Amino acid sequence: MTGSPRWLDDEQQKVWQDLLTVVIALPTLLDRQLERDAGISNFEYSVLARLSMTDALTMRLSELAEDCNCTLPRLSKVMVRFERRDWVTRYPDPDNGRYTLATLTEAGLRKVVDSAPGHVERVRELVFDPLSGAQQRHLGAGLARLAATVRDQLGDR
């Protein structure tokens, strides 16, 4: 980095502080609801939900980790807990034995289906209800651009 820093102006600083509040506090609030109502964390729900949205309820662990923005060791620890609860099974990928697949079991699918209504209601309360339809669309467009930039930067590792 050369030259003087490009400081945030007052409006940008306000937006940045609001974004930090959301980025830091939102996962905590979602964790509270899910832990209270379903006995799982927001991250655990995210893993189960992503598996539930696949055609065969199955994903490679490496792809699941990438989708959940986590490391393979973190995901593996969650998979061990899920296997103990009979929510997932893990096995070598028959197409390429270097990979491991995770499949959501009937019990795991039931867990995510039972947990979803309370979670979705909390997401609505925290993210969508405070905004008008137009604000939701603008937020979506802005977040899509930010997410693309962040994904590109993660890809540069």
N, C-alpha and C. Protein backbone atom coordinates (compact mmCIF):
# COMPACT_ATOMS: atom_id res chain seq x y z
N MET A 1 0.85 -1.18 0.00
CA MET A 1 0.00 0.00 0.00
C MET A 1 0.89 1.23 0.00
N THR A 2 0.68 2.10 -0.94
CA THR A 2 1.48 3.31 -1.04
C THR A 2 0.58 4.52 -0.89
N GLY A 3 1.20 5.66 -0.53
CA GLY A 3 0.43 6.88 -0.41
C GLY A 3 -0.31 6.94 0.92
N SER A 4 -1.13 7.96 1.06
CA SER A 4 -1.88 8.13 2.31
C SER A 4 -3.12 7.24 2.30
N PRO A 5 -3.57 6.84 3.48
CA PRO A 5 -4.75 5.97 3.56
C PRO A 5 -5.99 6.68 3.02
N ARG A 6 -6.88 5.89 2.44
CA ARG A 6 -8.17 6.42 1.98
C ARG A 6 -9.16 6.25 3.14
N TRP A 7 -9.24 7.24 4.01
CA TRP A 7 -10.10 7.15 5.18
C TRP A 7 -11.57 7.13 4.77
N LEU A 8 -12.37 6.52 5.59
CA LEU A 8 -13.82 6.52 5.38
C LEU A 8 -14.38 7.89 5.73
N ASP A 9 -15.32 8.35 4.91
CA ASP A 9 -15.99 9.60 5.28
C ASP A 9 -17.03 9.27 6.35
N ASP A 10 -17.70 10.29 6.87
CA ASP A 10 -18.62 10.08 7.98
C ASP A 10 -19.75 9.11 7.63
N GLU A 11 -20.29 9.23 6.42
CA GLU A 11 -21.38 8.35 6.00
C GLU A 11 -20.89 6.90 5.87
N GLN A 12 -19.72 6.74 5.26
CA GLN A 12 -19.14 5.40 5.12
C GLN A 12 -18.83 4.80 6.49
N GLN A 13 -18.33 5.61 7.41
CA GLN A 13 -18.03 5.12 8.76
C GLN A 13 -19.31 4.64 9.45
N LYS A 14 -20.40 5.35 9.27
CA LYS A 14 -21.69 4.95 9.85
C LYS A 14 -22.14 3.62 9.25
N VAL A 15 -22.06 3.50 7.93
CA VAL A 15 -22.45 2.24 7.26
C VAL A 15 -21.56 1.10 7.76
N TRP A 16 -20.27 1.35 7.85
CA TRP A 16 -19.33 0.32 8.30
C TRP A 16 -19.65 -0.13 9.72
N GLN A 17 -19.92 0.81 10.61
CA GLN A 17 -20.23 0.45 12.00
C GLN A 17 -21.55 -0.33 12.08
N ASP A 18 -22.54 0.05 11.28
CA ASP A 18 -23.80 -0.69 11.24
C ASP A 18 -23.58 -2.11 10.71
N LEU A 19 -22.76 -2.23 9.66
CA LEU A 19 -22.46 -3.55 9.11
C LEU A 19 -21.74 -4.41 10.15
N LEU A 20 -20.79 -3.84 10.86
CA LEU A 20 -20.09 -4.59 11.91
C LEU A 20 -21.07 -5.09 12.97
N THR A 21 -22.00 -4.24 13.37
CA THR A 21 -23.00 -4.64 14.36
C THR A 21 -23.78 -5.85 13.87
N VAL A 22 -24.22 -5.79 12.62
CA VAL A 22 -25.00 -6.90 12.05
C VAL A 22 -24.14 -8.16 11.93
N VAL A 23 -22.93 -8.02 11.40
CA VAL A 23 -22.06 -9.17 11.17
C VAL A 23 -21.69 -9.85 12.49
N ILE A 24 -21.49 -9.06 13.53
CA ILE A 24 -21.08 -9.62 14.82
C ILE A 24 -22.28 -10.11 15.62
N ALA A 25 -23.35 -9.34 15.68
CA ALA A 25 -24.47 -9.67 16.57
C ALA A 25 -25.46 -10.67 15.96
N LEU A 26 -25.67 -10.63 14.66
CA LEU A 26 -26.68 -11.51 14.06
C LEU A 26 -26.41 -12.99 14.32
N PRO A 27 -25.18 -13.48 14.12
CA PRO A 27 -24.94 -14.91 14.43
C PRO A 27 -25.23 -15.25 15.90
N THR A 28 -24.93 -14.33 16.81
CA THR A 28 -25.20 -14.57 18.23
C THR A 28 -26.70 -14.71 18.47
N LEU A 29 -27.48 -13.82 17.88
CA LEU A 29 -28.93 -13.88 18.06
C LEU A 29 -29.53 -15.15 17.44
N LEU A 30 -29.01 -15.55 16.29
CA LEU A 30 -29.49 -16.78 15.65
C LEU A 30 -29.07 -18.00 16.48
N ASP A 31 -27.86 -17.98 17.02
CA ASP A 31 -27.41 -19.07 17.90
C ASP A 31 -28.34 -19.21 19.10
N ARG A 32 -28.67 -18.09 19.73
CA ARG A 32 -29.54 -18.14 20.91
C ARG A 32 -30.86 -18.83 20.61
N GLN A 33 -31.49 -18.45 19.50
CA GLN A 33 -32.78 -19.03 19.15
C GLN A 33 -32.64 -20.52 18.87
N LEU A 34 -31.67 -20.89 18.06
CA LEU A 34 -31.51 -22.29 17.69
C LEU A 34 -31.09 -23.16 18.87
N GLU A 35 -30.20 -22.65 19.71
CA GLU A 35 -29.78 -23.43 20.88
C GLU A 35 -30.95 -23.61 21.85
N ARG A 36 -31.74 -22.57 22.03
CA ARG A 36 -32.90 -22.64 22.92
C ARG A 36 -33.96 -23.60 22.37
N ASP A 37 -34.28 -23.46 21.10
CA ASP A 37 -35.41 -24.19 20.52
C ASP A 37 -35.04 -25.55 19.93
N ALA A 38 -33.79 -25.71 19.48
CA ALA A 38 -33.43 -26.95 18.77
C ALA A 38 -32.18 -27.64 19.32
N GLY A 39 -31.47 -26.99 20.24
CA GLY A 39 -30.28 -27.60 20.82
C GLY A 39 -29.09 -27.67 19.87
N ILE A 40 -29.09 -26.81 18.84
CA ILE A 40 -27.98 -26.76 17.89
C ILE A 40 -27.59 -25.30 17.67
N SER A 41 -26.37 -25.11 17.16
CA SER A 41 -25.90 -23.76 16.84
C SER A 41 -26.35 -23.36 15.44
N ASN A 42 -26.21 -22.09 15.15
CA ASN A 42 -26.51 -21.59 13.82
C ASN A 42 -25.61 -22.27 12.78
N PHE A 43 -24.34 -22.46 13.13
CA PHE A 43 -23.41 -23.15 12.21
C PHE A 43 -23.88 -24.58 11.96
N GLU A 44 -24.25 -25.29 13.01
CA GLU A 44 -24.73 -26.67 12.84
C GLU A 44 -25.99 -26.71 11.99
N TYR A 45 -26.90 -25.77 12.23
CA TYR A 45 -28.10 -25.69 11.41
C TYR A 45 -27.73 -25.46 9.95
N SER A 46 -26.78 -24.57 9.71
CA SER A 46 -26.34 -24.26 8.36
C SER A 46 -25.82 -25.50 7.65
N VAL A 47 -25.04 -26.30 8.35
CA VAL A 47 -24.51 -27.54 7.76
C VAL A 47 -25.65 -28.49 7.41
N LEU A 48 -26.57 -28.70 8.35
CA LEU A 48 -27.71 -29.59 8.09
C LEU A 48 -28.56 -29.05 6.93
N ALA A 49 -28.81 -27.75 6.94
CA ALA A 49 -29.66 -27.15 5.90
C ALA A 49 -29.03 -27.28 4.53
N ARG A 50 -27.72 -27.06 4.43
CA ARG A 50 -27.05 -27.18 3.12
C ARG A 50 -27.13 -28.61 2.61
N LEU A 51 -26.94 -29.58 3.49
CA LEU A 51 -27.10 -30.98 3.06
C LEU A 51 -28.53 -31.26 2.64
N SER A 52 -29.49 -30.69 3.35
CA SER A 52 -30.91 -30.96 3.03
C SER A 52 -31.33 -30.37 1.70
N MET A 53 -30.59 -29.39 1.20
CA MET A 53 -30.95 -28.73 -0.06
C MET A 53 -30.32 -29.37 -1.28
N THR A 54 -29.59 -30.46 -1.09
CA THR A 54 -28.99 -31.16 -2.22
C THR A 54 -29.94 -32.27 -2.68
N ASP A 55 -29.81 -32.67 -3.94
CA ASP A 55 -30.72 -33.67 -4.50
C ASP A 55 -30.70 -34.98 -3.73
N ALA A 56 -29.53 -35.48 -3.44
CA ALA A 56 -29.41 -36.78 -2.77
C ALA A 56 -29.09 -36.63 -1.29
N LEU A 57 -29.26 -35.43 -0.74
CA LEU A 57 -28.93 -35.14 0.66
C LEU A 57 -27.46 -35.45 0.95
N THR A 58 -26.62 -35.31 -0.07
CA THR A 58 -25.22 -35.73 0.01
C THR A 58 -24.31 -34.66 -0.59
N MET A 59 -23.16 -34.45 0.06
CA MET A 59 -22.14 -33.54 -0.47
C MET A 59 -20.76 -34.06 -0.08
N ARG A 60 -19.78 -33.69 -0.89
CA ARG A 60 -18.39 -33.90 -0.48
C ARG A 60 -18.11 -32.96 0.68
N LEU A 61 -17.36 -33.46 1.66
CA LEU A 61 -17.05 -32.63 2.82
C LEU A 61 -16.29 -31.38 2.42
N SER A 62 -15.39 -31.49 1.44
CA SER A 62 -14.62 -30.32 1.02
C SER A 62 -15.54 -29.24 0.44
N GLU A 63 -16.55 -29.63 -0.32
CA GLU A 63 -17.50 -28.66 -0.88
C GLU A 63 -18.40 -28.09 0.20
N LEU A 64 -18.81 -28.94 1.13
CA LEU A 64 -19.65 -28.48 2.24
C LEU A 64 -18.90 -27.47 3.10
N ALA A 65 -17.62 -27.74 3.36
CA ALA A 65 -16.80 -26.80 4.14
C ALA A 65 -16.69 -25.47 3.42
N GLU A 66 -16.48 -25.52 2.12
CA GLU A 66 -16.39 -24.28 1.35
C GLU A 66 -17.71 -23.52 1.40
N ASP A 67 -18.82 -24.22 1.20
CA ASP A 67 -20.13 -23.57 1.24
C ASP A 67 -20.43 -22.96 2.60
N CYS A 68 -19.96 -23.60 3.65
CA CYS A 68 -20.20 -23.12 5.02
C CYS A 68 -19.10 -22.18 5.51
N ASN A 69 -18.13 -21.90 4.62
CA ASN A 69 -17.02 -21.02 4.94
C ASN A 69 -16.33 -21.45 6.24
N CYS A 70 -15.96 -22.72 6.28
CA CYS A 70 -15.26 -23.24 7.45
C CYS A 70 -14.13 -24.15 7.00
N THR A 71 -13.29 -24.49 7.94
CA THR A 71 -12.19 -25.40 7.65
C THR A 71 -12.68 -26.84 7.70
N LEU A 72 -11.96 -27.73 7.03
CA LEU A 72 -12.30 -29.16 7.11
C LEU A 72 -12.20 -29.69 8.53
N PRO A 73 -11.18 -29.30 9.33
CA PRO A 73 -11.15 -29.80 10.71
C PRO A 73 -12.38 -29.38 11.53
N ARG A 74 -12.84 -28.14 11.36
CA ARG A 74 -14.04 -27.70 12.08
C ARG A 74 -15.25 -28.51 11.63
N LEU A 75 -15.39 -28.70 10.33
CA LEU A 75 -16.51 -29.47 9.81
C LEU A 75 -16.43 -30.92 10.29
N SER A 76 -15.25 -31.49 10.32
CA SER A 76 -15.09 -32.88 10.77
C SER A 76 -15.55 -33.05 12.21
N LYS A 77 -15.26 -32.07 13.06
CA LYS A 77 -15.72 -32.14 14.46
C LYS A 77 -17.25 -32.14 14.53
N VAL A 78 -17.87 -31.32 13.70
CA VAL A 78 -19.33 -31.28 13.66
C VAL A 78 -19.87 -32.61 13.13
N MET A 79 -19.21 -33.15 12.11
CA MET A 79 -19.65 -34.44 11.54
C MET A 79 -19.59 -35.55 12.58
N VAL A 80 -18.57 -35.55 13.43
CA VAL A 80 -18.47 -36.56 14.49
C VAL A 80 -19.69 -36.45 15.41
N ARG A 81 -20.04 -35.22 15.82
CA ARG A 81 -21.23 -35.03 16.68
C ARG A 81 -22.50 -35.47 15.95
N PHE A 82 -22.59 -35.13 14.67
CA PHE A 82 -23.78 -35.51 13.89
C PHE A 82 -23.89 -37.02 13.74
N GLU A 83 -22.77 -37.69 13.52
CA GLU A 83 -22.79 -39.15 13.40
C GLU A 83 -23.25 -39.78 14.71
N ARG A 84 -22.80 -39.25 15.83
CA ARG A 84 -23.22 -39.78 17.14
C ARG A 84 -24.73 -39.64 17.33
N ARG A 85 -25.30 -38.61 16.75
CA ARG A 85 -26.75 -38.37 16.86
C ARG A 85 -27.52 -39.04 15.72
N ASP A 86 -26.80 -39.73 14.85
CA ASP A 86 -27.38 -40.40 13.68
C ASP A 86 -28.04 -39.40 12.72
N TRP A 87 -27.41 -38.23 12.57
CA TRP A 87 -27.92 -37.22 11.65
C TRP A 87 -27.22 -37.29 10.31
N VAL A 88 -26.02 -37.83 10.25
CA VAL A 88 -25.29 -37.98 8.99
C VAL A 88 -24.53 -39.30 8.99
N THR A 89 -24.19 -39.73 7.79
CA THR A 89 -23.24 -40.82 7.60
C THR A 89 -22.14 -40.29 6.70
N ARG A 90 -20.93 -40.74 6.95
CA ARG A 90 -19.78 -40.35 6.12
C ARG A 90 -19.18 -41.61 5.52
N TYR A 91 -18.71 -41.48 4.27
CA TYR A 91 -18.11 -42.62 3.59
C TYR A 91 -17.29 -42.11 2.41
N PRO A 92 -16.33 -42.93 1.93
CA PRO A 92 -15.50 -42.50 0.79
C PRO A 92 -16.35 -42.28 -0.45
N ASP A 93 -16.00 -41.29 -1.22
CA ASP A 93 -16.67 -41.01 -2.49
C ASP A 93 -16.34 -42.14 -3.46
N PRO A 94 -17.35 -42.87 -3.95
CA PRO A 94 -17.07 -43.99 -4.85
C PRO A 94 -16.46 -43.55 -6.19
N ASP A 95 -16.67 -42.28 -6.56
CA ASP A 95 -16.09 -41.77 -7.81
C ASP A 95 -14.64 -41.33 -7.65
N ASN A 96 -14.27 -41.00 -6.41
CA ASN A 96 -12.90 -40.56 -6.14
C ASN A 96 -12.64 -40.75 -4.65
N GLY A 97 -11.95 -41.82 -4.32
CA GLY A 97 -11.72 -42.20 -2.94
C GLY A 97 -10.93 -41.19 -2.11
N ARG A 98 -10.37 -40.18 -2.75
CA ARG A 98 -9.65 -39.15 -1.99
C ARG A 98 -10.62 -38.22 -1.26
N TYR A 99 -11.89 -38.27 -1.64
CA TYR A 99 -12.89 -37.41 -1.02
C TYR A 99 -13.80 -38.22 -0.11
N THR A 100 -14.40 -37.52 0.85
CA THR A 100 -15.38 -38.13 1.74
C THR A 100 -16.72 -37.47 1.49
N LEU A 101 -17.76 -38.28 1.44
CA LEU A 101 -19.13 -37.79 1.28
C LEU A 101 -19.83 -37.80 2.63
N ALA A 102 -20.74 -36.87 2.81
CA ALA A 102 -21.63 -36.86 3.96
C ALA A 102 -23.05 -36.90 3.43
N THR A 103 -23.85 -37.79 4.01
CA THR A 103 -25.25 -37.90 3.63
C THR A 103 -26.12 -37.67 4.86
N LEU A 104 -27.10 -36.84 4.70
CA LEU A 104 -28.06 -36.56 5.76
C LEU A 104 -28.96 -37.79 5.93
N THR A 105 -29.09 -38.26 7.14
CA THR A 105 -29.96 -39.41 7.41
C THR A 105 -31.40 -38.93 7.57
N GLU A 106 -32.31 -39.88 7.71
CA GLU A 106 -33.72 -39.53 7.95
C GLU A 106 -33.84 -38.73 9.25
N ALA A 107 -33.09 -39.12 10.27
CA ALA A 107 -33.13 -38.39 11.54
C ALA A 107 -32.55 -36.98 11.38
N GLY A 108 -31.50 -36.84 10.57
CA GLY A 108 -30.92 -35.53 10.33
C GLY A 108 -31.86 -34.64 9.55
N LEU A 109 -32.53 -35.20 8.58
CA LEU A 109 -33.51 -34.43 7.81
C LEU A 109 -34.65 -33.99 8.71
N ARG A 110 -35.10 -34.88 9.57
CA ARG A 110 -36.17 -34.54 10.51
C ARG A 110 -35.71 -33.39 11.43
N LYS A 111 -34.45 -33.43 11.87
CA LYS A 111 -33.92 -32.39 12.75
C LYS A 111 -33.95 -31.03 12.06
N VAL A 112 -33.48 -30.98 10.82
CA VAL A 112 -33.45 -29.68 10.12
C VAL A 112 -34.87 -29.22 9.80
N VAL A 113 -35.74 -30.12 9.42
CA VAL A 113 -37.13 -29.75 9.12
C VAL A 113 -37.83 -29.24 10.38
N ASP A 114 -37.59 -29.90 11.51
CA ASP A 114 -38.20 -29.46 12.77
C ASP A 114 -37.63 -28.13 13.25
N SER A 115 -36.37 -27.88 12.97
CA SER A 115 -35.69 -26.66 13.43
C SER A 115 -35.98 -25.46 12.53
N ALA A 116 -36.34 -25.71 11.28
CA ALA A 116 -36.47 -24.63 10.29
C ALA A 116 -37.52 -23.58 10.62
N PRO A 117 -38.73 -23.94 11.05
CA PRO A 117 -39.74 -22.88 11.25
C PRO A 117 -39.32 -21.80 12.24
N GLY A 118 -38.78 -22.19 13.38
CA GLY A 118 -38.35 -21.19 14.36
C GLY A 118 -37.19 -20.36 13.85
N HIS A 119 -36.27 -21.01 13.15
CA HIS A 119 -35.11 -20.31 12.61
C HIS A 119 -35.55 -19.30 11.55
N VAL A 120 -36.40 -19.73 10.63
CA VAL A 120 -36.86 -18.84 9.57
C VAL A 120 -37.64 -17.66 10.16
N GLU A 121 -38.44 -17.92 11.17
CA GLU A 121 -39.18 -16.82 11.81
C GLU A 121 -38.21 -15.81 12.43
N ARG A 122 -37.16 -16.30 13.07
CA ARG A 122 -36.17 -15.39 13.68
C ARG A 122 -35.43 -14.60 12.60
N VAL A 123 -35.08 -15.25 11.49
CA VAL A 123 -34.44 -14.54 10.38
C VAL A 123 -35.37 -13.46 9.86
N ARG A 124 -36.65 -13.79 9.70
CA ARG A 124 -37.62 -12.78 9.23
C ARG A 124 -37.66 -11.59 10.18
N GLU A 125 -37.75 -11.88 11.50
CA GLU A 125 -37.83 -10.81 12.50
C GLU A 125 -36.61 -9.90 12.46
N LEU A 126 -35.43 -10.50 12.31
CA LEU A 126 -34.19 -9.74 12.41
C LEU A 126 -33.75 -9.09 11.11
N VAL A 127 -34.07 -9.70 9.98
CA VAL A 127 -33.51 -9.23 8.70
C VAL A 127 -34.56 -8.63 7.78
N PHE A 128 -35.69 -9.28 7.64
CA PHE A 128 -36.64 -8.85 6.61
C PHE A 128 -37.77 -7.96 7.12
N ASP A 129 -38.32 -8.25 8.28
CA ASP A 129 -39.45 -7.46 8.77
C ASP A 129 -39.14 -5.98 8.96
N PRO A 130 -37.91 -5.61 9.39
CA PRO A 130 -37.63 -4.18 9.55
C PRO A 130 -37.52 -3.41 8.23
N LEU A 131 -37.49 -4.11 7.10
CA LEU A 131 -37.25 -3.47 5.81
C LEU A 131 -38.49 -3.53 4.92
N SER A 132 -38.64 -2.51 4.08
CA SER A 132 -39.68 -2.54 3.06
C SER A 132 -39.23 -3.48 1.94
N GLY A 133 -40.13 -3.79 1.03
CA GLY A 133 -39.77 -4.63 -0.11
C GLY A 133 -38.64 -4.03 -0.93
N ALA A 134 -38.70 -2.71 -1.16
CA ALA A 134 -37.65 -2.04 -1.93
C ALA A 134 -36.32 -2.10 -1.18
N GLN A 135 -36.36 -1.90 0.14
CA GLN A 135 -35.12 -1.98 0.91
C GLN A 135 -34.53 -3.39 0.88
N GLN A 136 -35.40 -4.39 0.91
CA GLN A 136 -34.93 -5.77 0.82
C GLN A 136 -34.23 -6.02 -0.51
N ARG A 137 -34.81 -5.52 -1.60
CA ARG A 137 -34.20 -5.69 -2.92
C ARG A 137 -32.86 -4.97 -2.99
N HIS A 138 -32.78 -3.76 -2.45
CA HIS A 138 -31.52 -3.01 -2.46
C HIS A 138 -30.47 -3.71 -1.60
N LEU A 139 -30.89 -4.19 -0.44
CA LEU A 139 -29.97 -4.93 0.42
C LEU A 139 -29.46 -6.16 -0.31
N GLY A 140 -30.36 -6.88 -0.97
CA GLY A 140 -29.96 -8.08 -1.72
C GLY A 140 -28.95 -7.76 -2.81
N ALA A 141 -29.19 -6.69 -3.54
CA ALA A 141 -28.26 -6.32 -4.61
C ALA A 141 -26.90 -5.93 -4.04
N GLY A 142 -26.91 -5.15 -2.98
CA GLY A 142 -25.65 -4.73 -2.37
C GLY A 142 -24.89 -5.90 -1.77
N LEU A 143 -25.60 -6.77 -1.07
CA LEU A 143 -24.94 -7.93 -0.47
C LEU A 143 -24.39 -8.89 -1.52
N ALA A 144 -25.11 -9.02 -2.63
CA ALA A 144 -24.61 -9.89 -3.70
C ALA A 144 -23.26 -9.39 -4.22
N ARG A 145 -23.14 -8.08 -4.37
CA ARG A 145 -21.86 -7.50 -4.83
C ARG A 145 -20.77 -7.69 -3.79
N LEU A 146 -21.11 -7.44 -2.52
CA LEU A 146 -20.12 -7.63 -1.47
C LEU A 146 -19.70 -9.10 -1.36
N ALA A 147 -20.66 -10.00 -1.43
CA ALA A 147 -20.36 -11.43 -1.34
C ALA A 147 -19.45 -11.87 -2.48
N ALA A 148 -19.70 -11.37 -3.68
CA ALA A 148 -18.84 -11.72 -4.82
C ALA A 148 -17.41 -11.23 -4.59
N THR A 149 -17.26 -10.02 -4.07
CA THR A 149 -15.93 -9.49 -3.78
C THR A 149 -15.23 -10.33 -2.72
N VAL A 150 -15.96 -10.67 -1.67
CA VAL A 150 -15.37 -11.47 -0.58
C VAL A 150 -15.00 -12.86 -1.10
N ARG A 151 -15.89 -13.48 -1.87
CA ARG A 151 -15.56 -14.81 -2.43
C ARG A 151 -14.32 -14.75 -3.30
N ASP A 152 -14.22 -13.71 -4.13
CA ASP A 152 -13.03 -13.54 -4.99
C ASP A 152 -11.77 -13.43 -4.15
N GLN A 153 -11.84 -12.67 -3.07
CA GLN A 153 -10.69 -12.50 -2.19
C GLN A 153 -10.33 -13.82 -1.49
N LEU A 154 -11.34 -14.57 -1.08
CA LEU A 154 -11.08 -15.88 -0.47
C LEU A 154 -10.42 -16.82 -1.46
N GLY A 155 -10.81 -16.71 -2.71
CA GLY A 155 -10.24 -17.55 -3.75
C GLY A 155 -8.78 -17.22 -4.03
N ASP A 156 -8.35 -16.04 -3.63
CA ASP A 156 -6.96 -15.61 -3.87
C ASP A 156 -6.00 -16.15 -2.84
N ARG A 157 -6.48 -16.88 -1.84
CA ARG A 157 -5.61 -17.36 -0.76
C ARG A 157 -4.41 -18.06 -1.28
